[in-house]
Amino acid sequence: MGPFADSAEALFGSYTATPDQQFIQTPLEGLRRLSDDTRYAAGCSEPLCSDYNATLVKEAVVRATFVIVCLGLSM
């Protein structure tokens, strides 16, 4: 869950060097390697979350065994 879960850009923010894309793995990519039943919803299109989509979030978490939320302050 969350806009940081599948965005390498958001994870690194604006205060880091530009890392080589081949060495970056988002939390979502890592979790998908562990389970065939991995669902994802950003909830927002950007970290400031001015367009929260509760419907997509509810669809992703219903009957989930556990939920991981990746949030931050902004970009």
Protein backbone atom coordinates (compact mmCIF):
# COMPACT_ATOMS: atom_id res chain seq x y z
CA MET A 1 0.00 0.00 0.00
CA GLY A 2 1.05 3.54 -0.55
CA PRO A 3 2.64 5.69 -3.21
CA PHE A 4 6.17 4.76 -2.07
CA ALA A 5 5.63 0.99 -2.48
CA ASP A 6 6.31 0.88 -6.21
CA SER A 7 8.24 4.07 -6.95
CA ALA A 8 12.02 4.03 -6.80
CA GLU A 9 11.99 7.80 -7.36
CA ALA A 10 9.80 8.36 -4.32
CA LEU A 11 11.92 6.02 -2.17
CA PHE A 12 15.12 7.92 -2.87
CA GLY A 13 13.60 11.39 -2.74
CA SER A 14 15.24 14.51 -4.07
CA TYR A 15 18.31 14.56 -1.80
CA THR A 16 20.24 11.57 -3.16
CA ALA A 17 22.45 10.84 -6.10
CA THR A 18 20.80 9.14 -9.06
CA PRO A 19 21.33 5.40 -8.50
CA ASP A 20 21.73 2.91 -11.34
CA GLN A 21 18.24 1.52 -12.10
CA GLN A 22 19.54 -2.06 -12.36
CA PHE A 23 20.29 -2.03 -8.62
CA ILE A 24 16.93 -0.67 -7.47
CA GLN A 25 14.13 -2.89 -6.23
CA THR A 26 10.95 -1.38 -4.82
CA PRO A 27 9.20 -2.96 -1.83
CA LEU A 28 6.44 -4.20 -4.15
CA GLU A 29 8.93 -5.90 -6.49
CA GLY A 30 10.57 -7.64 -3.54
CA LEU A 31 7.26 -8.84 -2.10
CA ARG A 32 6.08 -10.15 -5.47
CA ARG A 33 9.11 -12.44 -5.49
CA LEU A 34 7.88 -13.97 -2.23
CA SER A 35 4.22 -14.57 -3.06
CA ASP A 36 2.01 -15.19 -6.06
CA ASP A 37 -0.86 -13.45 -4.24
CA THR A 38 0.58 -9.95 -3.84
CA ARG A 39 -1.89 -7.12 -4.32
CA TYR A 40 -1.07 -3.44 -4.58
CA ALA A 41 -2.85 -0.11 -4.42
CA ALA A 42 -1.03 3.21 -4.27
CA GLY A 43 -4.02 4.95 -2.72
CA CYS A 44 -2.66 8.21 -4.14
CA SER A 45 -0.89 9.09 -7.36
CA GLU A 46 1.79 11.07 -5.52
CA PRO A 47 3.23 11.28 -1.98
CA LEU A 48 1.32 14.45 -1.06
CA CYS A 49 -1.84 12.36 -1.47
CA SER A 50 -4.21 15.00 -2.73
CA ASP A 51 -6.28 12.39 -4.60
CA TYR A 52 -6.81 9.49 -2.14
CA ASN A 53 -8.70 6.55 -3.66
CA ALA A 54 -10.30 4.59 -0.80
CA THR A 55 -12.03 2.15 -3.15
CA LEU A 56 -8.76 0.84 -4.63
CA VAL A 57 -7.24 0.52 -1.17
CA LYS A 58 -10.21 -1.44 0.18
CA GLU A 59 -10.13 -3.79 -2.82
CA ALA A 60 -6.44 -4.51 -2.24
CA VAL A 61 -6.67 -5.20 1.50
CA VAL A 62 -9.90 -7.19 1.72
CA ARG A 63 -9.07 -10.70 2.97
CA ALA A 64 -5.35 -9.89 3.12
CA THR A 65 -3.21 -11.88 5.52
CA PHE A 66 -1.10 -8.81 6.22
CA VAL A 67 -0.68 -5.30 4.83
CA ILE A 68 2.53 -3.34 4.36
CA VAL A 69 2.16 0.43 4.02
CA CYS A 70 4.91 2.52 2.41
CA LEU A 71 4.40 6.20 3.15
CA GLY A 72 6.53 9.29 3.30
CA LEU A 73 6.29 13.03 3.69
CA SER A 74 6.48 14.23 0.09
CA MET A 75 8.79 14.60 -2.87
